[in-house]
Amino acid sequence: MIQKSRPALLQPQDVGDRVETLMLQPVVKAFLCGSISGTFSALLFQPLDLLKTRLQTVQPSAHGSRRIGMLALLLNVVRTESLLGLWKGMSPSIVRCVPGVGIYFGSLYSLKQYFLRGHPPTALESVILGVGSRSIAGVCMSPITVIKTRYESGRYGYESIYSALRSIYHSEGYRGLFSGLTATLLRDAPFSGIYLMFYNQTKNIVLHGLWAAWLLPRQCSSDPPQDSGGSHGVDSL
């Protein structure tokens, strides 16, 4: 009697080895590190983000009256919504930041490896990498960004993120889920490109020792700084 062969189940050790191998992938590590940093930044700065949204959406109560200031708005939120009211909209913020920052760092690493082939980016290449990575993350997380902003404004009574997605889609269509995307990309993409360019250029200056020649010109020798291999600091990082 012929017995059908069954695929062998993975042993616990094999599963552990595969998980360890996956965790060693640079793209996965970049995604996880970005997600963790996004979580902590969302927790720390959510109150400021909420105040920014309220200040941008609040209207004067009467014609010619002065707009409310940030401190007055802060006290008003704490008085009317309690201290935890400053963290209103925390759920969509976490849902946006955790995968969003992970997508940004993962895309940044993938683009860098695909286009640069290991050599350090120039100033222009850093700008392009930052713009491209932020654009990818911005498009992917645009629906959650819309929900986060509406949560923080205090004008919408969504029960959950899913109900908000369903409500926006039924009432405004898919365009509603991507409302404000152009303005968001015009703000975030150039910022990320400029930020990444200055970061890479500053890192190269510091690690190659050029900062010493700038800050202490009289104490430094006239020869260019050398690394351990005597390559005058031109080796890639």
C-alpha atoms as a PDB file:
ATOM      1  CA  MET A   1       0.000   0.000   0.000  1.00  0.00           C
ATOM      2  CA  ILE A   2       1.493   3.309  -1.095  1.00  0.00           C
ATOM      3  CA  GLN A   3       1.524   6.014   1.526  1.00  0.00           C
ATOM      4  CA  LYS A   4       1.473   9.641   0.549  1.00  0.00           C
ATOM      5  CA  SER A   5       4.486  11.518   1.690  1.00  0.00           C
ATOM      6  CA  ARG A   6       3.817  14.506   3.896  1.00  0.00           C
ATOM      7  CA  PRO A   7       6.106  17.502   4.047  1.00  0.00           C
ATOM      8  CA  ALA A   8       8.212  17.417   7.130  1.00  0.00           C
ATOM      9  CA  LEU A   9       7.245  19.950   9.747  1.00  0.00           C
ATOM     10  CA  LEU A  10       9.853  22.485  10.708  1.00  0.00           C
ATOM     11  CA  GLN A  11      11.546  21.733  13.960  1.00  0.00           C
ATOM     12  CA  PRO A  12      11.578  24.485  16.600  1.00  0.00           C
ATOM     13  CA  GLN A  13      15.286  24.955  15.997  1.00  0.00           C
ATOM     14  CA  ASP A  14      14.701  25.413  12.263  1.00  0.00           C
ATOM     15  CA  VAL A  15      11.981  27.973  12.943  1.00  0.00           C
ATOM     16  CA  GLY A  16      14.301  29.839  15.272  1.00  0.00           C
ATOM     17  CA  ASP A  17      17.077  29.793  12.681  1.00  0.00           C
ATOM     18  CA  ARG A  18      14.759  31.198  10.019  1.00  0.00           C
ATOM     19  CA  VAL A  19      13.532  33.946  12.327  1.00  0.00           C
ATOM     20  CA  GLU A  20      17.109  34.808  13.259  1.00  0.00           C
ATOM     21  CA  THR A  21      18.082  34.914   9.586  1.00  0.00           C
ATOM     22  CA  LEU A  22      15.133  37.198   8.818  1.00  0.00           C
ATOM     23  CA  MET A  23      16.055  39.511  11.678  1.00  0.00           C
ATOM     24  CA  LEU A  24      19.576  39.820  10.284  1.00  0.00           C
ATOM     25  CA  GLN A  25      18.271  41.222   7.000  1.00  0.00           C
ATOM     26  CA  PRO A  26      19.284  44.907   6.850  1.00  0.00           C
ATOM     27  CA  VAL A  27      15.926  45.984   5.415  1.00  0.00           C
ATOM     28  CA  VAL A  28      14.042  44.262   8.251  1.00  0.00           C
ATOM     29  CA  LYS A  29      16.379  45.765  10.842  1.00  0.00           C
ATOM     30  CA  ALA A  30      15.908  49.222   9.331  1.00  0.00           C
ATOM     31  CA  PHE A  31      12.126  48.758   9.369  1.00  0.00           C
ATOM     32  CA  LEU A  32      12.057  47.585  12.996  1.00  0.00           C
ATOM     33  CA  CYS A  33      14.395  50.318  14.244  1.00  0.00           C
ATOM     34  CA  GLY A  34      12.360  52.943  12.426  1.00  0.00           C
ATOM     35  CA  SER A  35       9.121  51.573  13.865  1.00  0.00           C
ATOM     36  CA  ILE A  36      10.460  51.655  17.415  1.00  0.00           C
ATOM     37  CA  SER A  37      11.752  55.206  17.048  1.00  0.00           C
ATOM     38  CA  GLY A  38       8.430  56.248  15.504  1.00  0.00           C
ATOM     39  CA  THR A  39       6.540  54.822  18.475  1.00  0.00           C
ATOM     40  CA  PHE A  40       8.554  56.772  21.049  1.00  0.00           C
ATOM     41  CA  SER A  41       8.442  60.003  19.043  1.00  0.00           C
ATOM     42  CA  ALA A  42       4.652  59.697  18.704  1.00  0.00           C
ATOM     43  CA  LEU A  43       4.250  59.189  22.451  1.00  0.00           C
ATOM     44  CA  LEU A  44       6.472  62.136  23.330  1.00  0.00           C
ATOM     45  CA  PHE A  45       5.270  64.711  20.820  1.00  0.00           C
ATOM     46  CA  GLN A  46       1.581  63.874  20.415  1.00  0.00           C
ATOM     47  CA  PRO A  47       0.508  66.800  22.683  1.00  0.00           C
ATOM     48  CA  LEU A  48       2.415  69.278  20.503  1.00  0.00           C
ATOM     49  CA  ASP A  49       0.962  67.717  17.380  1.00  0.00           C
ATOM     50  CA  LEU A  50      -2.546  68.031  18.795  1.00  0.00           C
ATOM     51  CA  LEU A  51      -1.992  71.681  19.731  1.00  0.00           C
ATOM     52  CA  LYS A  52      -0.647  72.405  16.244  1.00  0.00           C
ATOM     53  CA  THR A  53      -3.741  70.889  14.636  1.00  0.00           C
ATOM     54  CA  ARG A  54      -6.102  72.763  16.964  1.00  0.00           C
ATOM     55  CA  LEU A  55      -4.329  76.070  16.343  1.00  0.00           C
ATOM     56  CA  GLN A  56      -4.574  75.554  12.592  1.00  0.00           C
ATOM     57  CA  THR A  57      -8.296  74.741  12.694  1.00  0.00           C
ATOM     58  CA  VAL A  58      -9.636  76.978  15.479  1.00  0.00           C
ATOM     59  CA  GLN A  59     -11.549  80.077  14.384  1.00  0.00           C
ATOM     60  CA  PRO A  60     -11.999  83.377  16.259  1.00  0.00           C
ATOM     61  CA  SER A  61     -15.204  83.483  18.295  1.00  0.00           C
ATOM     62  CA  ALA A  62     -16.164  86.957  17.093  1.00  0.00           C
ATOM     63  CA  HIS A  63     -15.235  89.319  14.297  1.00  0.00           C
ATOM     64  CA  GLY A  64     -11.990  91.093  15.074  1.00  0.00           C
ATOM     65  CA  SER A  65     -11.213  89.000  18.166  1.00  0.00           C
ATOM     66  CA  ARG A  66      -7.702  87.783  18.724  1.00  0.00           C
ATOM     67  CA  ARG A  67      -6.786  84.190  17.964  1.00  0.00           C
ATOM     68  CA  ILE A  68      -6.133  81.929  20.906  1.00  0.00           C
ATOM     69  CA  GLY A  69      -2.496  81.297  21.810  1.00  0.00           C
ATOM     70  CA  MET A  70      -0.780  77.959  22.329  1.00  0.00           C
ATOM     71  CA  LEU A  71      -0.567  78.267  26.119  1.00  0.00           C
ATOM     72  CA  ALA A  72      -4.218  79.273  26.417  1.00  0.00           C
ATOM     73  CA  LEU A  73      -5.197  76.385  24.157  1.00  0.00           C
ATOM     74  CA  LEU A  74      -3.111  73.985  26.234  1.00  0.00           C
ATOM     75  CA  LEU A  75      -4.826  75.058  29.433  1.00  0.00           C
ATOM     76  CA  ASN A  76      -8.227  74.879  27.769  1.00  0.00           C
ATOM     77  CA  VAL A  77      -7.640  71.295  26.581  1.00  0.00           C
ATOM     78  CA  VAL A  78      -6.468  70.197  30.037  1.00  0.00           C
ATOM     79  CA  ARG A  79      -9.425  71.934  31.711  1.00  0.00           C
ATOM     80  CA  THR A  80     -12.120  70.596  29.381  1.00  0.00           C
ATOM     81  CA  GLU A  81     -10.712  67.225  28.327  1.00  0.00           C
ATOM     82  CA  SER A  82      -8.318  66.389  31.210  1.00  0.00           C
ATOM     83  CA  LEU A  83      -4.577  65.870  30.897  1.00  0.00           C
ATOM     84  CA  LEU A  84      -5.064  62.757  28.799  1.00  0.00           C
ATOM     85  CA  GLY A  85      -6.906  64.903  26.279  1.00  0.00           C
ATOM     86  CA  LEU A  86      -3.502  66.058  25.044  1.00  0.00           C
ATOM     87  CA  TRP A  87      -2.985  62.534  23.745  1.00  0.00           C
ATOM     88  CA  LYS A  88      -6.270  62.442  21.854  1.00  0.00           C
ATOM     89  CA  GLY A  89      -5.757  60.747  18.501  1.00  0.00           C
ATOM     90  CA  MET A  90      -2.969  58.587  19.862  1.00  0.00           C
ATOM     91  CA  SER A  91      -4.273  55.444  18.160  1.00  0.00           C
ATOM     92  CA  PRO A  92      -4.032  56.759  14.579  1.00  0.00           C
ATOM     93  CA  SER A  93      -0.709  58.392  15.444  1.00  0.00           C
ATOM     94  CA  ILE A  94       0.734  55.035  16.491  1.00  0.00           C
ATOM     95  CA  VAL A  95      -0.821  53.286  13.498  1.00  0.00           C
ATOM     96  CA  ARG A  96       0.732  55.915  11.237  1.00  0.00           C
ATOM     97  CA  CYS A  97       4.155  56.326  12.853  1.00  0.00           C
ATOM     98  CA  VAL A  98       5.024  52.701  13.569  1.00  0.00           C
ATOM     99  CA  PRO A  99       4.770  51.425   9.984  1.00  0.00           C
ATOM    100  CA  GLY A 100       5.312  54.882   8.475  1.00  0.00           C
ATOM    101  CA  VAL A 101       8.772  55.486   9.909  1.00  0.00           C
ATOM    102  CA  GLY A 102       9.599  51.837   9.298  1.00  0.00           C
ATOM    103  CA  ILE A 103       8.601  52.181   5.638  1.00  0.00           C
ATOM    104  CA  TYR A 104      10.717  55.333   5.396  1.00  0.00           C
ATOM    105  CA  PHE A 105      13.886  53.714   6.740  1.00  0.00           C
ATOM    106  CA  GLY A 106      13.276  50.475   4.853  1.00  0.00           C
ATOM    107  CA  SER A 107      12.741  52.373   1.594  1.00  0.00           C
ATOM    108  CA  LEU A 108      15.781  54.523   2.278  1.00  0.00           C
ATOM    109  CA  TYR A 109      18.008  51.486   2.734  1.00  0.00           C
ATOM    110  CA  SER A 110      16.584  49.687  -0.305  1.00  0.00           C
ATOM    111  CA  LEU A 111      16.961  52.719  -2.582  1.00  0.00           C
ATOM    112  CA  LYS A 112      20.474  53.329  -1.325  1.00  0.00           C
ATOM    113  CA  GLN A 113      21.549  49.741  -1.977  1.00  0.00           C
ATOM    114  CA  TYR A 114      19.867  49.587  -5.393  1.00  0.00           C
ATOM    115  CA  PHE A 115      21.071  52.872  -6.845  1.00  0.00           C
ATOM    116  CA  LEU A 116      24.328  53.592  -5.016  1.00  0.00           C
ATOM    117  CA  ARG A 117      25.741  50.055  -4.884  1.00  0.00           C
ATOM    118  CA  GLY A 118      27.455  50.666  -1.561  1.00  0.00           C
ATOM    119  CA  HIS A 119      29.262  53.947  -2.238  1.00  0.00           C
ATOM    120  CA  PRO A 120      28.453  56.936   0.013  1.00  0.00           C
ATOM    121  CA  PRO A 121      25.849  59.328  -1.411  1.00  0.00           C
ATOM    122  CA  THR A 122      26.725  62.772  -2.659  1.00  0.00           C
ATOM    123  CA  ALA A 123      24.760  65.819  -1.520  1.00  0.00           C
ATOM    124  CA  LEU A 124      22.391  65.619  -4.483  1.00  0.00           C
ATOM    125  CA  GLU A 125      21.962  61.858  -4.113  1.00  0.00           C
ATOM    126  CA  SER A 126      21.099  62.327  -0.421  1.00  0.00           C
ATOM    127  CA  VAL A 127      18.386  64.809  -1.337  1.00  0.00           C
ATOM    128  CA  ILE A 128      16.944  62.423  -3.931  1.00  0.00           C
ATOM    129  CA  LEU A 129      17.026  59.487  -1.489  1.00  0.00           C
ATOM    130  CA  GLY A 130      15.286  61.488   1.231  1.00  0.00           C
ATOM    131  CA  VAL A 131      12.612  62.813  -1.124  1.00  0.00           C
ATOM    132  CA  GLY A 132      11.941  59.371  -2.604  1.00  0.00           C
ATOM    133  CA  SER A 133      11.767  57.550   0.726  1.00  0.00           C
ATOM    134  CA  ARG A 134       9.498  60.134   2.321  1.00  0.00           C
ATOM    135  CA  SER A 135       7.216  60.175  -0.718  1.00  0.00           C
ATOM    136  CA  ILE A 136       6.775  56.398  -0.542  1.00  0.00           C
ATOM    137  CA  ALA A 137       5.965  56.510   3.166  1.00  0.00           C
ATOM    138  CA  GLY A 138       3.663  59.519   2.733  1.00  0.00           C
ATOM    139  CA  VAL A 139       1.587  57.877   0.013  1.00  0.00           C
ATOM    140  CA  CYS A 140       1.305  54.600   1.935  1.00  0.00           C
ATOM    141  CA  MET A 141       0.195  56.245   5.173  1.00  0.00           C
ATOM    142  CA  SER A 142      -1.960  59.056   3.736  1.00  0.00           C
ATOM    143  CA  PRO A 143      -5.334  57.537   4.830  1.00  0.00           C
ATOM    144  CA  ILE A 144      -4.121  57.187   8.418  1.00  0.00           C
ATOM    145  CA  THR A 145      -2.732  60.731   8.326  1.00  0.00           C
ATOM    146  CA  VAL A 146      -6.162  62.048   7.308  1.00  0.00           C
ATOM    147  CA  ILE A 147      -7.821  60.176  10.174  1.00  0.00           C
ATOM    148  CA  LYS A 148      -5.178  61.336  12.660  1.00  0.00           C
ATOM    149  CA  THR A 149      -5.710  64.976  11.719  1.00  0.00           C
ATOM    150  CA  ARG A 150      -9.485  64.661  12.036  1.00  0.00           C
ATOM    151  CA  TYR A 151      -9.179  62.959  15.411  1.00  0.00           C
ATOM    152  CA  GLU A 152      -6.971  65.765  16.709  1.00  0.00           C
ATOM    153  CA  SER A 153      -9.247  68.512  15.391  1.00  0.00           C
ATOM    154  CA  GLY A 154     -12.018  67.406  17.786  1.00  0.00           C
ATOM    155  CA  ARG A 155     -14.700  67.951  15.121  1.00  0.00           C
ATOM    156  CA  TYR A 156     -15.328  64.318  14.242  1.00  0.00           C
ATOM    157  CA  GLY A 157     -16.800  61.582  16.400  1.00  0.00           C
ATOM    158  CA  TYR A 158     -15.277  58.471  14.866  1.00  0.00           C
ATOM    159  CA  GLU A 159     -15.564  55.416  17.085  1.00  0.00           C
ATOM    160  CA  SER A 160     -12.495  53.648  15.713  1.00  0.00           C
ATOM    161  CA  ILE A 161      -9.941  53.804  12.929  1.00  0.00           C
ATOM    162  CA  TYR A 162     -11.898  51.237  10.914  1.00  0.00           C
ATOM    163  CA  SER A 163     -15.147  53.159  11.260  1.00  0.00           C
ATOM    164  CA  ALA A 164     -13.349  56.342  10.243  1.00  0.00           C
ATOM    165  CA  LEU A 165     -11.939  54.673   7.130  1.00  0.00           C
ATOM    166  CA  ARG A 166     -15.355  53.309   6.219  1.00  0.00           C
ATOM    167  CA  SER A 167     -17.111  56.620   6.852  1.00  0.00           C
ATOM    168  CA  ILE A 168     -14.642  58.651   4.791  1.00  0.00           C
ATOM    169  CA  TYR A 169     -14.730  56.162   1.936  1.00  0.00           C
ATOM    170  CA  HIS A 170     -18.552  56.046   1.807  1.00  0.00           C
ATOM    171  CA  SER A 171     -19.021  59.818   2.055  1.00  0.00           C
ATOM    172  CA  GLU A 172     -16.002  61.127   0.108  1.00  0.00           C
ATOM    173  CA  GLY A 173     -14.707  58.176  -1.881  1.00  0.00           C
ATOM    174  CA  TYR A 174     -11.084  57.143  -2.128  1.00  0.00           C
ATOM    175  CA  ARG A 175     -10.137  60.763  -2.805  1.00  0.00           C
ATOM    176  CA  GLY A 176     -11.114  61.615   0.743  1.00  0.00           C
ATOM    177  CA  LEU A 177      -8.584  59.128   2.076  1.00  0.00           C
ATOM    178  CA  PHE A 178      -5.836  60.949   0.189  1.00  0.00           C
ATOM    179  CA  SER A 179      -7.012  64.507   0.762  1.00  0.00           C
ATOM    180  CA  GLY A 180      -4.115  66.851   1.451  1.00  0.00           C
ATOM    181  CA  LEU A 181      -1.573  64.402   0.046  1.00  0.00           C
ATOM    182  CA  THR A 182      -0.030  66.954  -2.319  1.00  0.00           C
ATOM    183  CA  ALA A 183       0.456  69.504   0.460  1.00  0.00           C
ATOM    184  CA  THR A 184       1.857  66.823   2.754  1.00  0.00           C
ATOM    185  CA  LEU A 185       4.402  65.674   0.179  1.00  0.00           C
ATOM    186  CA  LEU A 186       5.381  69.253  -0.663  1.00  0.00           C
ATOM    187  CA  ARG A 187       6.126  69.766   3.017  1.00  0.00           C
ATOM    188  CA  ASP A 188       7.653  66.443   4.092  1.00  0.00           C
ATOM    189  CA  ALA A 189       9.574  65.291   1.008  1.00  0.00           C
ATOM    190  CA  PRO A 190      11.843  68.361   0.615  1.00  0.00           C
ATOM    191  CA  PHE A 191      12.373  68.455   4.377  1.00  0.00           C
ATOM    192  CA  SER A 192      13.524  64.834   4.420  1.00  0.00           C
ATOM    193  CA  GLY A 193      15.811  65.398   1.435  1.00  0.00           C
ATOM    194  CA  ILE A 194      17.457  68.476   2.969  1.00  0.00           C
ATOM    195  CA  TYR A 195      17.681  66.814   6.376  1.00  0.00           C
ATOM    196  CA  LEU A 196      19.327  63.690   4.972  1.00  0.00           C
ATOM    197  CA  MET A 197      21.747  65.744   2.873  1.00  0.00           C
ATOM    198  CA  PHE A 198      22.946  67.785   5.866  1.00  0.00           C
ATOM    199  CA  TYR A 199      23.120  64.650   8.017  1.00  0.00           C
ATOM    200  CA  ASN A 200      25.314  62.750   5.556  1.00  0.00           C
ATOM    201  CA  GLN A 201      27.554  65.713   4.817  1.00  0.00           C
ATOM    202  CA  THR A 202      28.026  66.507   8.509  1.00  0.00           C
ATOM    203  CA  LYS A 203      28.731  62.854   9.292  1.00  0.00           C
ATOM    204  CA  ASN A 204      31.394  62.709   6.594  1.00  0.00           C
ATOM    205  CA  ILE A 205      33.043  65.871   7.897  1.00  0.00           C
ATOM    206  CA  VAL A 206      33.076  64.660  11.500  1.00  0.00           C
ATOM    207  CA  LEU A 207      34.229  61.101  10.798  1.00  0.00           C
ATOM    208  CA  HIS A 208      36.961  62.219   8.398  1.00  0.00           C
ATOM    209  CA  GLY A 209      38.354  64.643  10.945  1.00  0.00           C
ATOM    210  CA  LEU A 210      37.778  67.751   8.826  1.00  0.00           C
ATOM    211  CA  TRP A 211      35.992  69.445  11.722  1.00  0.00           C
ATOM    212  CA  ALA A 212      39.317  69.729  13.543  1.00  0.00           C
ATOM    213  CA  ALA A 213      40.861  71.638  10.645  1.00  0.00           C
ATOM    214  CA  TRP A 214      37.912  74.042  10.681  1.00  0.00           C
ATOM    215  CA  LEU A 215      37.620  74.585  14.439  1.00  0.00           C
ATOM    216  CA  LEU A 216      41.329  74.448  15.316  1.00  0.00           C
ATOM    217  CA  PRO A 217      43.201  75.684  12.220  1.00  0.00           C
ATOM    218  CA  ARG A 218      46.319  76.715  14.128  1.00  0.00           C
ATOM    219  CA  GLN A 219      46.692  73.468  16.054  1.00  0.00           C
ATOM    220  CA  CYS A 220      46.174  71.158  13.075  1.00  0.00           C
ATOM    221  CA  SER A 221      48.912  70.261  10.656  1.00  0.00           C
ATOM    222  CA  SER A 222      48.752  71.292   7.030  1.00  0.00           C
ATOM    223  CA  ASP A 223      48.492  67.675   5.873  1.00  0.00           C
ATOM    224  CA  PRO A 224      45.003  66.314   5.225  1.00  0.00           C
ATOM    225  CA  PRO A 225      43.629  63.978   7.899  1.00  0.00           C
ATOM    226  CA  GLN A 226      44.429  60.304   7.401  1.00  0.00           C
ATOM    227  CA  ASP A 227      42.543  57.278   8.542  1.00  0.00           C
ATOM    228  CA  SER A 228      44.046  54.068   9.803  1.00  0.00           C
ATOM    229  CA  GLY A 229      44.801  52.947   6.263  1.00  0.00           C
ATOM    230  CA  GLY A 230      46.458  56.199   5.270  1.00  0.00           C
ATOM    231  CA  SER A 231      43.844  56.940   2.622  1.00  0.00           C
ATOM    232  CA  HIS A 232      43.413  60.619   3.626  1.00  0.00           C
ATOM    233  CA  GLY A 233      39.810  60.043   4.605  1.00  0.00           C
ATOM    234  CA  VAL A 234      38.471  59.244   1.148  1.00  0.00           C
ATOM    235  CA  ASP A 235      37.386  55.665   1.847  1.00  0.00           C
ATOM    236  CA  SER A 236      33.658  55.100   1.918  1.00  0.00           C
ATOM    237  CA  LEU A 237      31.961  54.882   5.293  1.00  0.00           C
END
